[in-house]
Every structure is written in C-alpha cells, then in structure tokens.
C-alpha cells in the first residue's frame, strides 16, 4: 500500500506531525536553556547573549534528535545516514524558528 502511494503529496496529518515534532524539539531546547543559564549563573556574552547562544545550541541538538527518530524508521537508514539526513532536514527550519524566537 505504501509503495503505491509513495509519490503522493503528504497529507495534512503527515505535514502536521512533521511540523509539530520540530516545534516540540525547539520548544523543549529553549525551555532547558532558559532555565539552565540563570541556574548555573552563566554569562560570557552578557546575560541575553548567553541565553541566545544556549537557546540555539539546545534547540538545534534536540531538534536534530527528534528529526532523527522520525526519519530513520521511515527510511530504514543507518545511524550515520540518519544523522546526516536529520541535520539536512532540520538545519534551516531550526535556524528560522530561532530567529523568529529571538526577534
């Protein structure tokens, strides 16, 4: 059945799941970083700059992890191929999500 519909455009539900898992990884990463910076009293680029840097780092890591666990089962990729595919799929969307959050 899946082979027959392989070339069909994604459904609304498939698109929603793809967007929600990316947003979830970004939101969780932002939350962890926002709590961690003041808790550890980290300030190396000013308080706001430090938060932005940590927000992006944690968001990127969690976003790629969430994407990895979505892509690998769908495509049957190895670990290395899955990481590369996840990075390629999520880098632009995470960067744009964070730019919107920072603005």
Protein backbone atom coordinates (compact mmCIF):
# COMPACT_ATOMS: atom_id res chain seq x y z
CA UNK A 1 0.00 0.00 0.00
CA UNK A 2 2.80 2.42 0.90
CA UNK A 3 4.62 1.68 -2.37
CA UNK A 4 1.50 2.61 -4.33
CA UNK A 5 1.19 5.98 -2.62
CA UNK A 6 4.90 6.76 -2.40
CA UNK A 7 4.71 9.64 -4.88
CA UNK A 8 1.53 11.19 -3.41
CA UNK A 9 1.92 14.56 -1.70
CA UNK A 10 1.91 14.41 2.10
CA UNK A 11 -1.45 14.54 3.82
CA UNK A 12 -2.40 17.25 6.30
CA UNK A 13 -1.79 14.87 9.18
CA UNK A 14 1.68 13.92 7.92
CA UNK A 15 2.59 17.59 7.48
CA UNK A 16 1.28 18.43 10.95
CA UNK A 17 3.33 15.67 12.58
CA UNK A 18 6.46 16.85 10.75
CA UNK A 19 5.94 20.43 11.93
CA UNK A 20 4.94 19.56 15.50
CA UNK A 21 7.95 17.37 16.22
CA UNK A 22 10.30 20.12 15.04
CA UNK A 23 8.45 22.70 17.12
CA UNK A 24 8.50 20.37 20.13
CA UNK A 25 12.27 19.90 19.95
CA UNK A 26 12.78 23.66 19.60
CA UNK A 27 10.45 24.49 22.48
CA UNK A 28 11.99 21.94 24.82
CA UNK A 29 15.50 23.12 23.92
CA UNK A 30 14.55 26.75 24.58
CA UNK A 31 12.98 25.85 27.91
CA UNK A 32 16.01 23.87 29.10
CA UNK A 33 18.42 26.64 28.10
CA UNK A 34 16.31 29.40 29.66
CA UNK A 35 16.26 27.52 32.97
CA UNK A 36 19.89 26.42 32.86
CA UNK A 37 21.60 29.77 32.18
CA UNK A 38 20.43 31.55 35.34
CA UNK A 39 20.60 28.37 37.46
CA UNK A 40 24.30 27.97 36.62
CA UNK A 41 24.94 31.74 36.60
CA UNK A 42 26.42 31.56 33.09
CA UNK A 43 27.30 34.88 31.47
CA UNK A 44 30.05 35.02 28.88
CA UNK A 45 28.30 37.17 26.27
CA UNK A 46 26.13 39.17 28.61
CA UNK A 47 23.04 37.55 30.09
CA UNK A 48 20.91 37.98 26.97
CA UNK A 49 23.65 36.88 24.56
CA UNK A 50 24.42 33.81 26.68
CA UNK A 51 20.74 32.87 26.64
CA UNK A 52 20.57 33.21 22.86
CA UNK A 53 23.63 31.04 22.35
CA UNK A 54 22.42 28.33 24.73
CA UNK A 55 18.89 28.50 23.28
CA UNK A 56 20.24 27.85 19.81
CA UNK A 57 22.58 25.05 20.90
CA UNK A 58 19.96 23.13 22.89
CA UNK A 59 17.27 23.73 20.30
CA UNK A 60 19.49 22.51 17.48
CA UNK A 61 20.57 19.37 19.34
CA UNK A 62 17.04 18.41 20.41
CA UNK A 63 15.55 19.31 17.02
CA UNK A 64 18.02 17.05 15.22
CA UNK A 65 17.40 14.24 17.73
CA UNK A 66 13.63 14.48 17.23
CA UNK A 67 14.11 14.55 13.45
CA UNK A 68 16.49 11.57 13.61
CA UNK A 69 13.93 9.40 15.36
CA UNK A 70 11.34 10.38 12.75
CA UNK A 71 13.48 9.86 9.63
CA UNK A 72 15.36 6.65 10.50
CA UNK A 73 12.30 4.39 10.94
CA UNK A 74 10.64 5.83 7.82
CA UNK A 75 13.63 5.34 5.56
CA UNK A 76 15.46 2.47 7.27
CA UNK A 77 18.74 4.38 7.46
CA UNK A 78 21.91 3.53 9.36
CA UNK A 79 22.99 5.70 12.31
CA UNK A 80 25.35 7.87 10.25
CA UNK A 81 22.94 8.27 7.35
CA UNK A 82 20.16 9.11 9.82
CA UNK A 83 22.21 11.84 11.50
CA UNK A 84 23.13 13.38 8.14
CA UNK A 85 19.50 13.24 6.96
CA UNK A 86 18.25 14.78 10.22
CA UNK A 87 20.78 17.61 10.06
CA UNK A 88 19.93 18.29 6.42
CA UNK A 89 16.20 18.24 7.11
CA UNK A 90 16.15 20.43 10.21
CA UNK A 91 19.01 22.94 9.99
CA UNK A 92 17.14 25.63 8.06
CA UNK A 93 13.84 25.19 9.92
CA UNK A 94 15.53 25.32 13.34
CA UNK A 95 17.57 28.37 12.37
CA UNK A 96 14.47 30.18 11.16
CA UNK A 97 12.47 29.12 14.23
CA UNK A 98 15.17 30.55 16.48
CA UNK A 99 15.47 33.77 14.50
CA UNK A 100 11.73 34.22 14.97
CA UNK A 101 12.02 33.46 18.68
CA UNK A 102 14.96 35.84 19.14
CA UNK A 103 13.23 38.65 17.27
